[in-house]
Amino acid sequence: MTKKEYYVVIERDEDGYYVGEVPQLKACYSQGETIDELMMNMKEVIELSLSEESQESSSEFVGIQKIVV
């Protein structure tokens, strides 16, 4: 199986947990108390998502920009 690279968008919620989402995969998100825990959880959820019949989005992750308003 060819390895593929995925990007995880990480936010910190009001309770201090790190929440991650993979924009390229539908409904692919998880959380963790630390970034290391989050990334372990994300790897599992990505593998589960890929093993199911979920369709990978045709969109390409470009990046994140910060804007101040």
N, C-alpha and C. Protein backbone atom coordinates (compact mmCIF):
# COMPACT_ATOMS: atom_id res chain seq x y z
N MET A 1 0.84 -1.19 0.00
CA MET A 1 0.00 0.00 0.00
C MET A 1 0.88 1.25 0.00
N THR A 2 0.60 2.16 -0.89
CA THR A 2 1.36 3.40 -0.98
C THR A 2 0.95 4.34 0.15
N LYS A 3 1.93 4.90 0.82
CA LYS A 3 1.64 5.84 1.90
C LYS A 3 1.26 7.18 1.30
N LYS A 4 0.31 7.84 1.93
CA LYS A 4 -0.16 9.13 1.47
C LYS A 4 -0.08 10.13 2.62
N GLU A 5 0.16 11.36 2.29
CA GLU A 5 0.30 12.41 3.29
C GLU A 5 -1.03 13.13 3.48
N TYR A 6 -1.40 13.35 4.74
CA TYR A 6 -2.62 14.09 5.07
C TYR A 6 -2.26 15.22 6.02
N TYR A 7 -3.00 16.30 5.93
CA TYR A 7 -2.79 17.45 6.80
C TYR A 7 -3.85 17.46 7.88
N VAL A 8 -3.43 17.75 9.11
CA VAL A 8 -4.35 17.82 10.24
C VAL A 8 -4.44 19.28 10.69
N VAL A 9 -5.64 19.82 10.67
CA VAL A 9 -5.88 21.17 11.17
C VAL A 9 -6.18 21.02 12.66
N ILE A 10 -5.42 21.73 13.49
CA ILE A 10 -5.52 21.57 14.95
C ILE A 10 -6.01 22.86 15.59
N GLU A 11 -6.98 22.70 16.48
CA GLU A 11 -7.49 23.82 17.28
C GLU A 11 -7.48 23.38 18.74
N ARG A 12 -7.55 24.33 19.63
CA ARG A 12 -7.67 24.03 21.05
C ARG A 12 -9.03 24.51 21.51
N ASP A 13 -9.81 23.59 22.13
CA ASP A 13 -11.16 23.98 22.54
C ASP A 13 -11.16 24.65 23.91
N GLU A 14 -12.35 25.06 24.35
CA GLU A 14 -12.48 25.80 25.61
C GLU A 14 -12.11 24.99 26.84
N ASP A 15 -12.08 23.65 26.72
CA ASP A 15 -11.70 22.79 27.83
C ASP A 15 -10.21 22.46 27.83
N GLY A 16 -9.47 22.97 26.83
CA GLY A 16 -8.04 22.74 26.75
C GLY A 16 -7.64 21.52 25.93
N TYR A 17 -8.61 20.82 25.34
CA TYR A 17 -8.31 19.67 24.50
C TYR A 17 -7.91 20.14 23.10
N TYR A 18 -7.02 19.37 22.48
CA TYR A 18 -6.65 19.63 21.10
C TYR A 18 -7.60 18.85 20.21
N VAL A 19 -8.16 19.52 19.21
CA VAL A 19 -9.11 18.92 18.29
C VAL A 19 -8.51 19.00 16.89
N GLY A 20 -8.48 17.87 16.19
CA GLY A 20 -7.90 17.83 14.86
C GLY A 20 -8.90 17.35 13.83
N GLU A 21 -8.72 17.83 12.62
CA GLU A 21 -9.58 17.44 11.49
C GLU A 21 -8.72 17.33 10.24
N VAL A 22 -9.03 16.33 9.42
CA VAL A 22 -8.36 16.17 8.13
C VAL A 22 -9.32 16.66 7.05
N PRO A 23 -9.05 17.83 6.45
CA PRO A 23 -9.96 18.39 5.44
C PRO A 23 -10.15 17.50 4.21
N GLN A 24 -9.15 16.68 3.88
CA GLN A 24 -9.25 15.85 2.68
C GLN A 24 -10.19 14.66 2.85
N LEU A 25 -10.54 14.31 4.09
CA LEU A 25 -11.38 13.15 4.34
C LEU A 25 -12.67 13.58 5.02
N LYS A 26 -13.78 13.01 4.60
CA LYS A 26 -15.08 13.37 5.17
C LYS A 26 -15.19 12.86 6.60
N ALA A 27 -15.66 13.72 7.50
CA ALA A 27 -15.93 13.37 8.91
C ALA A 27 -14.74 12.69 9.57
N CYS A 28 -13.55 13.21 9.34
CA CYS A 28 -12.33 12.64 9.90
C CYS A 28 -11.76 13.61 10.93
N TYR A 29 -12.10 13.38 12.20
CA TYR A 29 -11.64 14.25 13.26
C TYR A 29 -11.50 13.48 14.56
N SER A 30 -10.71 14.03 15.49
CA SER A 30 -10.51 13.41 16.80
C SER A 30 -10.02 14.48 17.76
N GLN A 31 -9.71 14.06 18.99
CA GLN A 31 -9.21 14.99 19.99
C GLN A 31 -8.21 14.29 20.89
N GLY A 32 -7.49 15.08 21.69
CA GLY A 32 -6.55 14.54 22.65
C GLY A 32 -6.16 15.60 23.67
N GLU A 33 -5.69 15.15 24.82
CA GLU A 33 -5.26 16.09 25.86
C GLU A 33 -3.94 16.76 25.51
N THR A 34 -3.12 16.09 24.70
CA THR A 34 -1.85 16.65 24.23
C THR A 34 -1.82 16.52 22.71
N ILE A 35 -0.90 17.22 22.08
CA ILE A 35 -0.77 17.11 20.63
C ILE A 35 -0.30 15.71 20.25
N ASP A 36 0.59 15.11 21.04
CA ASP A 36 1.03 13.74 20.76
C ASP A 36 -0.14 12.76 20.80
N GLU A 37 -0.99 12.90 21.82
CA GLU A 37 -2.17 12.03 21.93
C GLU A 37 -3.12 12.28 20.76
N LEU A 38 -3.32 13.54 20.41
CA LEU A 38 -4.18 13.87 19.27
C LEU A 38 -3.66 13.21 18.00
N MET A 39 -2.36 13.30 17.74
CA MET A 39 -1.81 12.76 16.50
C MET A 39 -1.91 11.23 16.46
N MET A 40 -1.75 10.56 17.60
CA MET A 40 -1.96 9.11 17.64
C MET A 40 -3.41 8.78 17.31
N ASN A 41 -4.34 9.55 17.91
CA ASN A 41 -5.76 9.34 17.64
C ASN A 41 -6.10 9.64 16.18
N MET A 42 -5.49 10.68 15.62
CA MET A 42 -5.74 11.05 14.23
C MET A 42 -5.27 9.94 13.29
N LYS A 43 -4.12 9.36 13.58
CA LYS A 43 -3.61 8.27 12.73
C LYS A 43 -4.61 7.12 12.71
N GLU A 44 -5.16 6.77 13.87
CA GLU A 44 -6.14 5.70 13.94
C GLU A 44 -7.40 6.03 13.14
N VAL A 45 -7.90 7.26 13.30
CA VAL A 45 -9.15 7.63 12.62
C VAL A 45 -8.93 7.74 11.11
N ILE A 46 -7.76 8.15 10.67
CA ILE A 46 -7.45 8.19 9.24
C ILE A 46 -7.44 6.78 8.68
N GLU A 47 -6.77 5.85 9.39
CA GLU A 47 -6.73 4.47 8.93
C GLU A 47 -8.13 3.86 8.86
N LEU A 48 -8.97 4.16 9.86
CA LEU A 48 -10.35 3.67 9.85
C LEU A 48 -11.13 4.26 8.68
N SER A 49 -10.95 5.54 8.47
CA SER A 49 -11.65 6.22 7.38
C SER A 49 -11.26 5.64 6.03
N LEU A 50 -9.99 5.34 5.87
CA LEU A 50 -9.51 4.80 4.59
C LEU A 50 -9.94 3.35 4.41
N SER A 51 -10.11 2.59 5.50
CA SER A 51 -10.49 1.19 5.38
C SER A 51 -11.98 1.03 5.09
N GLU A 52 -12.77 2.05 5.46
CA GLU A 52 -14.20 2.02 5.16
C GLU A 52 -14.42 2.48 3.73
N GLU A 53 -15.65 2.50 3.34
CA GLU A 53 -15.96 2.90 1.96
C GLU A 53 -16.06 4.41 1.80
N SER A 54 -15.55 5.16 2.76
CA SER A 54 -15.59 6.62 2.67
C SER A 54 -14.84 7.07 1.43
N GLN A 55 -15.38 8.04 0.79
CA GLN A 55 -14.72 8.59 -0.39
C GLN A 55 -13.83 9.75 0.01
N GLU A 56 -12.63 9.74 -0.48
CA GLU A 56 -11.72 10.85 -0.25
C GLU A 56 -12.20 12.05 -1.05
N SER A 57 -12.14 13.21 -0.43
CA SER A 57 -12.56 14.43 -1.11
C SER A 57 -11.63 14.71 -2.28
N SER A 58 -12.17 15.31 -3.33
CA SER A 58 -11.33 15.65 -4.47
C SER A 58 -10.62 16.99 -4.26
N SER A 59 -10.90 17.64 -3.14
CA SER A 59 -10.24 18.92 -2.89
C SER A 59 -8.80 18.70 -2.42
N GLU A 60 -7.98 19.68 -2.66
CA GLU A 60 -6.58 19.63 -2.27
C GLU A 60 -6.35 20.65 -1.16
N PHE A 61 -5.74 20.20 -0.05
CA PHE A 61 -5.44 21.11 1.04
C PHE A 61 -4.35 22.06 0.58
N VAL A 62 -4.61 23.37 0.70
CA VAL A 62 -3.66 24.37 0.24
C VAL A 62 -2.90 24.97 1.42
N GLY A 63 -3.59 25.29 2.48
CA GLY A 63 -2.92 25.88 3.63
C GLY A 63 -3.89 26.67 4.49
N ILE A 64 -3.35 27.32 5.47
CA ILE A 64 -4.15 28.13 6.39
C ILE A 64 -3.58 29.53 6.39
N GLN A 65 -4.45 30.50 6.35
CA GLN A 65 -4.04 31.90 6.42
C GLN A 65 -4.67 32.55 7.64
N LYS A 66 -3.96 33.43 8.27
CA LYS A 66 -4.49 34.18 9.40
C LYS A 66 -4.89 35.56 8.91
N ILE A 67 -6.06 36.02 9.35
CA ILE A 67 -6.52 37.36 9.00
C ILE A 67 -6.95 38.05 10.27
N VAL A 68 -6.60 39.29 10.43
CA VAL A 68 -7.00 40.08 11.58
C VAL A 68 -8.05 41.08 11.13
N VAL A 69 -9.18 41.09 11.82
CA VAL A 69 -10.29 41.99 11.44
C VAL A 69 -10.58 42.93 12.59
